[in-house]
Amino acid sequence: MKLKNSGIAVAIAGSMLFTVPAFAQEVIVNGGFEADASETYNPQGWQVQENGIFGSVIATDAHQSSASGYNTVGAASGNYYGLLDSAYPSSQVLYQNFSIGAVTSAVLSFQMFVNDQSDNGIVYINQAGLDATTNGTYAPNQHVRVDLLLASADPFSVNATDIIGTYYLGGANGRRFDGADNSNNYVDYSFDLTSLLASGGNYTLRFASVSNQGALQVGLDNVSLNVTPVPEADTYAMFLAGLGLLGLVLRRRNTI
């Protein structure tokens, strides 16, 4: 006598055992800056820090920076984008804290433009980090950075012990001379952070600018951190159940 449906049962059990459900999750809140549906200095999900009085951080739909008055290309998609707008000397930080469990994959992506109206757009990366006064010396300090930080870090910190990874450190992502308009287009960035975030934890994603040589604008849109969590214990329980069913079916096939 044969168990006619044993093949079907084996297939079902095998499917339960070997198909690992993996659901990607978006970590960043309001990465497209559309949640407020209006111009705001406090975009939902984000935090802002500024030093100096000649700058601002804003979610806007404008094609001109409010602090320095220079043109921008506007949003990469939708209506709004994040803008770090510096009329020197000042520094701005736009950041978001997040917590995740263990992951099997993590990809950071964003679209960003950097406009620099300083003399010839020269990049100056001073050891004073994001201090526009460079410790009171006002030595040249004009650059942009994107970092992954420990959540416990100060938003302006450039200490190596606070920075997990740096994904942009430099100046303008292009240079156009159209009279007063040197508005650059967006550049797409994507980074695999799986090895850094595999164990999970508490982190800060930071976009920052500092300028003391000329005006500087950083535009951001479609910021995303897409992660795939490690399957939960109940998922493994389902796999074990599938293994048990598979063993039962095989045993019955051998005895009938």
C-alpha atoms as a PDB file:
ATOM      1  CA  MET A   1       0.000   0.000   0.000  1.00  0.00           C
ATOM      2  CA  LYS A   2       1.307   3.485  -0.894  1.00  0.00           C
ATOM      3  CA  LEU A   3       0.580   6.823   0.711  1.00  0.00           C
ATOM      4  CA  LYS A   4      -0.733   8.552  -2.419  1.00  0.00           C
ATOM      5  CA  ASN A   5      -0.364  12.112  -1.124  1.00  0.00           C
ATOM      6  CA  SER A   6       3.059  11.682   0.422  1.00  0.00           C
ATOM      7  CA  GLY A   7       4.746  13.628  -2.384  1.00  0.00           C
ATOM      8  CA  ILE A   8       2.452  16.574  -1.794  1.00  0.00           C
ATOM      9  CA  ALA A   9       3.069  16.433   1.942  1.00  0.00           C
ATOM     10  CA  VAL A  10       6.822  16.320   1.399  1.00  0.00           C
ATOM     11  CA  ALA A  11       6.602  19.311  -0.910  1.00  0.00           C
ATOM     12  CA  ILE A  12       4.591  21.286   1.635  1.00  0.00           C
ATOM     13  CA  ALA A  13       6.950  20.389   4.463  1.00  0.00           C
ATOM     14  CA  GLY A  14       9.978  21.192   2.344  1.00  0.00           C
ATOM     15  CA  SER A  15       8.493  24.558   1.481  1.00  0.00           C
ATOM     16  CA  MET A  16       7.947  25.316   5.170  1.00  0.00           C
ATOM     17  CA  LEU A  17      11.494  24.289   5.948  1.00  0.00           C
ATOM     18  CA  PHE A  18      13.468  26.008   3.250  1.00  0.00           C
ATOM     19  CA  THR A  19      11.493  29.167   2.425  1.00  0.00           C
ATOM     20  CA  VAL A  20      12.747  31.905   4.733  1.00  0.00           C
ATOM     21  CA  PRO A  21      10.350  34.820   4.807  1.00  0.00           C
ATOM     22  CA  ALA A  22      12.333  38.072   4.611  1.00  0.00           C
ATOM     23  CA  PHE A  23      10.529  41.385   4.694  1.00  0.00           C
ATOM     24  CA  ALA A  24      12.497  44.560   4.040  1.00  0.00           C
ATOM     25  CA  GLN A  25      11.673  47.495   6.286  1.00  0.00           C
ATOM     26  CA  GLU A  26      12.200  51.221   5.883  1.00  0.00           C
ATOM     27  CA  VAL A  27      13.933  52.732   8.894  1.00  0.00           C
ATOM     28  CA  ILE A  28      14.076  56.438   8.002  1.00  0.00           C
ATOM     29  CA  VAL A  29      10.974  58.495   8.743  1.00  0.00           C
ATOM     30  CA  ASN A  30       9.966  61.147   6.206  1.00  0.00           C
ATOM     31  CA  GLY A  31      12.998  60.568   4.008  1.00  0.00           C
ATOM     32  CA  GLY A  32      11.297  62.397   1.133  1.00  0.00           C
ATOM     33  CA  PHE A  33      10.390  65.417   3.318  1.00  0.00           C
ATOM     34  CA  GLU A  34       6.776  65.265   2.162  1.00  0.00           C
ATOM     35  CA  ALA A  35       5.125  64.426   5.510  1.00  0.00           C
ATOM     36  CA  ASP A  36       4.564  68.033   6.585  1.00  0.00           C
ATOM     37  CA  ALA A  37       3.134  69.139   3.231  1.00  0.00           C
ATOM     38  CA  SER A  38       4.404  72.654   3.942  1.00  0.00           C
ATOM     39  CA  GLU A  39       7.661  74.496   4.397  1.00  0.00           C
ATOM     40  CA  THR A  40       9.006  73.856   7.888  1.00  0.00           C
ATOM     41  CA  TYR A  41      12.103  74.275  10.009  1.00  0.00           C
ATOM     42  CA  ASN A  42      11.125  71.127  11.937  1.00  0.00           C
ATOM     43  CA  PRO A  43      10.514  68.348   9.391  1.00  0.00           C
ATOM     44  CA  GLN A  44       8.804  65.312  10.885  1.00  0.00           C
ATOM     45  CA  GLY A  45      11.144  62.527  11.957  1.00  0.00           C
ATOM     46  CA  TRP A  46      14.227  64.748  11.776  1.00  0.00           C
ATOM     47  CA  GLN A  47      16.169  66.865  14.248  1.00  0.00           C
ATOM     48  CA  VAL A  48      18.081  70.035  13.541  1.00  0.00           C
ATOM     49  CA  GLN A  49      21.118  71.670  15.140  1.00  0.00           C
ATOM     50  CA  GLU A  50      22.755  74.923  14.055  1.00  0.00           C
ATOM     51  CA  ASN A  51      25.772  76.990  15.112  1.00  0.00           C
ATOM     52  CA  GLY A  52      26.112  80.581  13.963  1.00  0.00           C
ATOM     53  CA  ILE A  53      23.399  82.994  12.914  1.00  0.00           C
ATOM     54  CA  PHE A  54      23.810  82.973   9.142  1.00  0.00           C
ATOM     55  CA  GLY A  55      22.161  79.741   8.080  1.00  0.00           C
ATOM     56  CA  SER A  56      19.144  77.487   8.364  1.00  0.00           C
ATOM     57  CA  VAL A  57      17.900  73.916   7.933  1.00  0.00           C
ATOM     58  CA  ILE A  58      14.502  73.576   6.320  1.00  0.00           C
ATOM     59  CA  ALA A  59      12.150  71.293   4.408  1.00  0.00           C
ATOM     60  CA  THR A  60      11.102  73.406   1.453  1.00  0.00           C
ATOM     61  CA  ASP A  61       9.667  73.406  -2.053  1.00  0.00           C
ATOM     62  CA  ALA A  62      11.508  76.599  -3.015  1.00  0.00           C
ATOM     63  CA  HIS A  63      14.052  76.881  -5.806  1.00  0.00           C
ATOM     64  CA  GLN A  64      16.007  79.517  -3.944  1.00  0.00           C
ATOM     65  CA  SER A  65      17.773  79.217  -0.606  1.00  0.00           C
ATOM     66  CA  SER A  66      16.221  81.380   2.086  1.00  0.00           C
ATOM     67  CA  ALA A  67      19.387  82.172   4.075  1.00  0.00           C
ATOM     68  CA  SER A  68      21.868  82.852   1.271  1.00  0.00           C
ATOM     69  CA  GLY A  69      19.534  83.631  -1.620  1.00  0.00           C
ATOM     70  CA  TYR A  70      21.120  81.323  -4.214  1.00  0.00           C
ATOM     71  CA  ASN A  71      19.198  79.182  -6.680  1.00  0.00           C
ATOM     72  CA  THR A  72      18.708  75.435  -6.253  1.00  0.00           C
ATOM     73  CA  VAL A  73      17.258  72.704  -8.462  1.00  0.00           C
ATOM     74  CA  GLY A  74      14.410  72.101  -5.990  1.00  0.00           C
ATOM     75  CA  ALA A  75      13.127  68.652  -5.082  1.00  0.00           C
ATOM     76  CA  ALA A  76      14.431  65.485  -6.730  1.00  0.00           C
ATOM     77  CA  SER A  77      10.881  64.079  -6.602  1.00  0.00           C
ATOM     78  CA  GLY A  78       7.616  65.141  -5.027  1.00  0.00           C
ATOM     79  CA  ASN A  79       7.333  68.726  -3.849  1.00  0.00           C
ATOM     80  CA  TYR A  80       9.701  69.063  -0.899  1.00  0.00           C
ATOM     81  CA  TYR A  81      13.340  68.435  -0.074  1.00  0.00           C
ATOM     82  CA  GLY A  82      15.646  69.027   2.866  1.00  0.00           C
ATOM     83  CA  LEU A  83      17.991  71.996   2.603  1.00  0.00           C
ATOM     84  CA  LEU A  84      21.010  72.865   4.723  1.00  0.00           C
ATOM     85  CA  ASP A  85      21.564  76.490   3.793  1.00  0.00           C
ATOM     86  CA  SER A  86      24.638  78.314   5.045  1.00  0.00           C
ATOM     87  CA  ALA A  87      25.578  81.934   4.597  1.00  0.00           C
ATOM     88  CA  TYR A  88      28.980  81.805   6.270  1.00  0.00           C
ATOM     89  CA  PRO A  89      30.256  81.495   8.941  1.00  0.00           C
ATOM     90  CA  SER A  90      27.942  78.823  10.309  1.00  0.00           C
ATOM     91  CA  SER A  91      27.369  75.088  10.509  1.00  0.00           C
ATOM     92  CA  GLN A  92      24.196  73.036  10.176  1.00  0.00           C
ATOM     93  CA  VAL A  93      23.244  69.471  11.041  1.00  0.00           C
ATOM     94  CA  LEU A  94      20.164  67.530   9.955  1.00  0.00           C
ATOM     95  CA  TYR A  95      19.974  64.140  11.622  1.00  0.00           C
ATOM     96  CA  GLN A  96      17.731  61.250  12.578  1.00  0.00           C
ATOM     97  CA  ASN A  97      18.121  58.713  15.383  1.00  0.00           C
ATOM     98  CA  PHE A  98      17.009  55.131  14.845  1.00  0.00           C
ATOM     99  CA  SER A  99      17.089  51.747  16.563  1.00  0.00           C
ATOM    100  CA  ILE A 100      17.157  48.364  14.828  1.00  0.00           C
ATOM    101  CA  GLY A 101      17.531  44.734  15.767  1.00  0.00           C
ATOM    102  CA  ALA A 102      19.876  42.290  14.064  1.00  0.00           C
ATOM    103  CA  VAL A 103      19.653  42.430  10.264  1.00  0.00           C
ATOM    104  CA  THR A 104      20.662  40.296   7.301  1.00  0.00           C
ATOM    105  CA  SER A 105      20.941  43.300   4.989  1.00  0.00           C
ATOM    106  CA  ALA A 106      21.012  47.099   5.262  1.00  0.00           C
ATOM    107  CA  VAL A 107      21.270  49.605   2.402  1.00  0.00           C
ATOM    108  CA  LEU A 108      21.569  53.367   2.837  1.00  0.00           C
ATOM    109  CA  SER A 109      20.597  55.507  -0.142  1.00  0.00           C
ATOM    110  CA  PHE A 110      19.910  59.185  -0.742  1.00  0.00           C
ATOM    111  CA  GLN A 111      19.957  61.876  -3.394  1.00  0.00           C
ATOM    112  CA  MET A 112      22.034  64.954  -2.656  1.00  0.00           C
ATOM    113  CA  PHE A 113      23.332  68.111  -4.288  1.00  0.00           C
ATOM    114  CA  VAL A 114      26.008  70.416  -2.915  1.00  0.00           C
ATOM    115  CA  ASN A 115      26.379  74.006  -4.112  1.00  0.00           C
ATOM    116  CA  ASP A 116      29.390  76.055  -3.014  1.00  0.00           C
ATOM    117  CA  GLN A 117      29.708  79.780  -3.665  1.00  0.00           C
ATOM    118  CA  SER A 118      33.120  80.178  -2.026  1.00  0.00           C
ATOM    119  CA  ASP A 119      36.134  81.228  -4.056  1.00  0.00           C
ATOM    120  CA  ASN A 120      36.544  78.532  -6.739  1.00  0.00           C
ATOM    121  CA  GLY A 121      34.623  76.079  -4.558  1.00  0.00           C
ATOM    122  CA  ILE A 122      37.767  74.957  -2.768  1.00  0.00           C
ATOM    123  CA  VAL A 123      37.176  72.300  -0.117  1.00  0.00           C
ATOM    124  CA  TYR A 124      38.707  72.959   3.285  1.00  0.00           C
ATOM    125  CA  ILE A 125      38.491  70.152   5.843  1.00  0.00           C
ATOM    126  CA  ASN A 126      39.836  71.521   9.097  1.00  0.00           C
ATOM    127  CA  GLN A 127      40.622  69.470  12.183  1.00  0.00           C
ATOM    128  CA  ALA A 128      38.096  71.655  14.002  1.00  0.00           C
ATOM    129  CA  GLY A 129      35.465  69.567  12.260  1.00  0.00           C
ATOM    130  CA  LEU A 130      32.072  71.261  12.103  1.00  0.00           C
ATOM    131  CA  ASP A 131      33.209  74.379  13.941  1.00  0.00           C
ATOM    132  CA  ALA A 132      32.892  77.345  11.572  1.00  0.00           C
ATOM    133  CA  THR A 133      35.142  79.448  13.816  1.00  0.00           C
ATOM    134  CA  THR A 134      37.860  76.746  13.756  1.00  0.00           C
ATOM    135  CA  ASN A 135      38.407  77.197  17.478  1.00  0.00           C
ATOM    136  CA  GLY A 136      38.376  80.972  17.159  1.00  0.00           C
ATOM    137  CA  THR A 137      41.091  81.176  14.500  1.00  0.00           C
ATOM    138  CA  TYR A 138      38.690  81.374  11.523  1.00  0.00           C
ATOM    139  CA  ALA A 139      41.104  79.306   9.490  1.00  0.00           C
ATOM    140  CA  PRO A 140      39.404  78.040   6.305  1.00  0.00           C
ATOM    141  CA  ASN A 141      36.781  75.359   6.957  1.00  0.00           C
ATOM    142  CA  GLN A 142      34.291  74.698   4.161  1.00  0.00           C
ATOM    143  CA  HIS A 143      32.904  71.226   3.535  1.00  0.00           C
ATOM    144  CA  VAL A 144      29.996  68.778   3.736  1.00  0.00           C
ATOM    145  CA  ARG A 145      29.833  65.380   5.398  1.00  0.00           C
ATOM    146  CA  VAL A 146      27.421  62.454   5.728  1.00  0.00           C
ATOM    147  CA  ASP A 147      28.012  60.077   8.630  1.00  0.00           C
ATOM    148  CA  LEU A 148      26.579  57.198  10.580  1.00  0.00           C
ATOM    149  CA  LEU A 149      27.128  57.896  14.277  1.00  0.00           C
ATOM    150  CA  LEU A 150      26.559  56.172  17.559  1.00  0.00           C
ATOM    151  CA  ALA A 151      23.264  57.445  18.945  1.00  0.00           C
ATOM    152  CA  SER A 152      25.086  58.680  22.045  1.00  0.00           C
ATOM    153  CA  ALA A 153      27.300  61.043  20.004  1.00  0.00           C
ATOM    154  CA  ASP A 154      26.931  64.805  19.948  1.00  0.00           C
ATOM    155  CA  PRO A 155      25.371  65.817  16.598  1.00  0.00           C
ATOM    156  CA  PHE A 156      28.448  67.931  15.788  1.00  0.00           C
ATOM    157  CA  SER A 157      31.018  65.322  16.845  1.00  0.00           C
ATOM    158  CA  VAL A 158      33.793  64.301  14.465  1.00  0.00           C
ATOM    159  CA  ASN A 159      35.532  62.049  16.983  1.00  0.00           C
ATOM    160  CA  ALA A 160      36.590  58.737  15.488  1.00  0.00           C
ATOM    161  CA  THR A 161      35.046  56.893  18.441  1.00  0.00           C
ATOM    162  CA  ASP A 162      31.616  58.356  17.567  1.00  0.00           C
ATOM    163  CA  ILE A 163      31.676  57.832  13.798  1.00  0.00           C
ATOM    164  CA  ILE A 164      30.806  54.375  12.485  1.00  0.00           C
ATOM    165  CA  GLY A 165      31.025  55.274   8.807  1.00  0.00           C
ATOM    166  CA  THR A 166      31.446  58.345   6.578  1.00  0.00           C
ATOM    167  CA  TYR A 167      29.695  58.402   3.184  1.00  0.00           C
ATOM    168  CA  TYR A 168      30.491  61.869   1.914  1.00  0.00           C
ATOM    169  CA  LEU A 169      33.288  64.243   2.867  1.00  0.00           C
ATOM    170  CA  GLY A 170      33.976  67.059   0.470  1.00  0.00           C
ATOM    171  CA  GLY A 171      32.430  69.969  -1.376  1.00  0.00           C
ATOM    172  CA  ALA A 172      30.315  70.733  -4.402  1.00  0.00           C
ATOM    173  CA  ASN A 173      29.246  67.724  -6.469  1.00  0.00           C
ATOM    174  CA  GLY A 174      29.723  69.759  -9.632  1.00  0.00           C
ATOM    175  CA  ARG A 175      30.573  73.294 -10.620  1.00  0.00           C
ATOM    176  CA  ARG A 176      28.544  75.562 -12.890  1.00  0.00           C
ATOM    177  CA  PHE A 177      29.230  79.205 -13.703  1.00  0.00           C
ATOM    178  CA  ASP A 178      25.970  80.759 -14.901  1.00  0.00           C
ATOM    179  CA  GLY A 179      26.343  84.237 -13.497  1.00  0.00           C
ATOM    180  CA  ALA A 180      25.219  83.992  -9.873  1.00  0.00           C
ATOM    181  CA  ASP A 181      23.681  80.552 -10.442  1.00  0.00           C
ATOM    182  CA  ASN A 182      25.843  77.511  -9.842  1.00  0.00           C
ATOM    183  CA  SER A 183      23.021  75.194  -8.804  1.00  0.00           C
ATOM    184  CA  ASN A 184      24.135  71.574  -9.208  1.00  0.00           C
ATOM    185  CA  ASN A 185      21.917  68.593  -9.912  1.00  0.00           C
ATOM    186  CA  TYR A 186      21.284  65.706  -7.544  1.00  0.00           C
ATOM    187  CA  VAL A 187      23.655  62.771  -7.372  1.00  0.00           C
ATOM    188  CA  ASP A 188      22.428  59.304  -6.330  1.00  0.00           C
ATOM    189  CA  TYR A 189      24.295  57.587  -3.506  1.00  0.00           C
ATOM    190  CA  SER A 190      23.930  54.019  -2.232  1.00  0.00           C
ATOM    191  CA  PHE A 191      25.941  52.121   0.395  1.00  0.00           C
ATOM    192  CA  ASP A 192      25.768  48.597   1.799  1.00  0.00           C
ATOM    193  CA  LEU A 193      25.831  48.888   5.605  1.00  0.00           C
ATOM    194  CA  THR A 194      25.072  45.238   6.349  1.00  0.00           C
ATOM    195  CA  SER A 195      28.381  44.471   8.022  1.00  0.00           C
ATOM    196  CA  LEU A 196      28.163  47.565  10.228  1.00  0.00           C
ATOM    197  CA  LEU A 197      24.558  47.107  11.308  1.00  0.00           C
ATOM    198  CA  ALA A 198      24.363  43.306  11.413  1.00  0.00           C
ATOM    199  CA  SER A 199      24.077  43.157  15.201  1.00  0.00           C
ATOM    200  CA  GLY A 200      21.571  46.003  15.446  1.00  0.00           C
ATOM    201  CA  GLY A 201      21.744  48.878  17.903  1.00  0.00           C
ATOM    202  CA  ASN A 202      21.077  52.593  18.286  1.00  0.00           C
ATOM    203  CA  TYR A 203      22.439  54.965  15.665  1.00  0.00           C
ATOM    204  CA  THR A 204      22.250  58.441  14.139  1.00  0.00           C
ATOM    205  CA  LEU A 205      22.274  59.291  10.445  1.00  0.00           C
ATOM    206  CA  ARG A 206      23.765  62.758  10.026  1.00  0.00           C
ATOM    207  CA  PHE A 207      23.993  65.261   7.159  1.00  0.00           C
ATOM    208  CA  ALA A 208      26.153  68.268   8.018  1.00  0.00           C
ATOM    209  CA  SER A 209      27.783  71.330   6.507  1.00  0.00           C
ATOM    210  CA  VAL A 210      30.228  73.951   7.728  1.00  0.00           C
ATOM    211  CA  SER A 211      31.295  77.126   5.931  1.00  0.00           C
ATOM    212  CA  ASN A 212      33.435  80.155   6.628  1.00  0.00           C
ATOM    213  CA  GLN A 213      34.650  80.963   3.102  1.00  0.00           C
ATOM    214  CA  GLY A 214      31.343  81.487   1.281  1.00  0.00           C
ATOM    215  CA  ALA A 215      27.738  80.392   1.055  1.00  0.00           C
ATOM    216  CA  LEU A 216      27.014  76.661   0.891  1.00  0.00           C
ATOM    217  CA  GLN A 217      23.818  74.692   0.224  1.00  0.00           C
ATOM    218  CA  VAL A 218      23.136  70.963   0.656  1.00  0.00           C
ATOM    219  CA  GLY A 219      19.930  69.537  -0.783  1.00  0.00           C
ATOM    220  CA  LEU A 220      18.598  66.123   0.250  1.00  0.00           C
ATOM    221  CA  ASP A 221      15.769  63.953  -0.994  1.00  0.00           C
ATOM    222  CA  ASN A 222      14.614  60.320  -0.879  1.00  0.00           C
ATOM    223  CA  VAL A 223      16.763  59.397   2.115  1.00  0.00           C
ATOM    224  CA  SER A 224      16.329  55.694   2.862  1.00  0.00           C
ATOM    225  CA  LEU A 225      17.755  53.004   5.090  1.00  0.00           C
ATOM    226  CA  ASN A 226      16.235  49.713   3.991  1.00  0.00           C
ATOM    227  CA  VAL A 227      16.915  46.734   6.248  1.00  0.00           C
ATOM    228  CA  THR A 228      15.940  43.073   6.330  1.00  0.00           C
ATOM    229  CA  PRO A 229      15.656  41.852   9.935  1.00  0.00           C
ATOM    230  CA  VAL A 230      16.928  38.486  11.114  1.00  0.00           C
ATOM    231  CA  PRO A 231      13.849  36.174  11.318  1.00  0.00           C
ATOM    232  CA  GLU A 232      12.170  36.127  14.716  1.00  0.00           C
ATOM    233  CA  ALA A 233      12.022  33.064  16.975  1.00  0.00           C
ATOM    234  CA  ASP A 234       8.465  32.199  15.891  1.00  0.00           C
ATOM    235  CA  THR A 235       9.695  31.992  12.299  1.00  0.00           C
ATOM    236  CA  TYR A 236      12.278  29.430  13.315  1.00  0.00           C
ATOM    237  CA  ALA A 237       9.574  27.570  15.201  1.00  0.00           C
ATOM    238  CA  MET A 238       7.642  27.308  11.951  1.00  0.00           C
ATOM    239  CA  PHE A 239      10.745  25.914  10.244  1.00  0.00           C
ATOM    240  CA  LEU A 240      11.151  23.308  12.986  1.00  0.00           C
ATOM    241  CA  ALA A 241       7.514  22.364  12.620  1.00  0.00           C
ATOM    242  CA  GLY A 242       8.108  21.890   8.911  1.00  0.00           C
ATOM    243  CA  LEU A 243      11.102  19.709   9.683  1.00  0.00           C
ATOM    244  CA  GLY A 244       8.994  17.581  12.036  1.00  0.00           C
ATOM    245  CA  LEU A 245       6.272  17.176   9.425  1.00  0.00           C
ATOM    246  CA  LEU A 246       8.841  16.247   6.813  1.00  0.00           C
ATOM    247  CA  GLY A 247      10.297  13.587   9.123  1.00  0.00           C
ATOM    248  CA  LEU A 248       6.834  12.197   9.880  1.00  0.00           C
ATOM    249  CA  VAL A 249       5.939  11.917   6.205  1.00  0.00           C
ATOM    250  CA  LEU A 250       9.219  10.212   5.326  1.00  0.00           C
ATOM    251  CA  ARG A 251       8.811   7.774   8.197  1.00  0.00           C
ATOM    252  CA  ARG A 252       5.296   6.850   7.057  1.00  0.00           C
ATOM    253  CA  ARG A 253       6.519   6.377   3.490  1.00  0.00           C
ATOM    254  CA  ASN A 254       9.140   3.929   4.740  1.00  0.00           C
ATOM    255  CA  THR A 255       6.681   1.899   6.828  1.00  0.00           C
ATOM    256  CA  ILE A 256       3.655   1.699   4.540  1.00  0.00           C
END
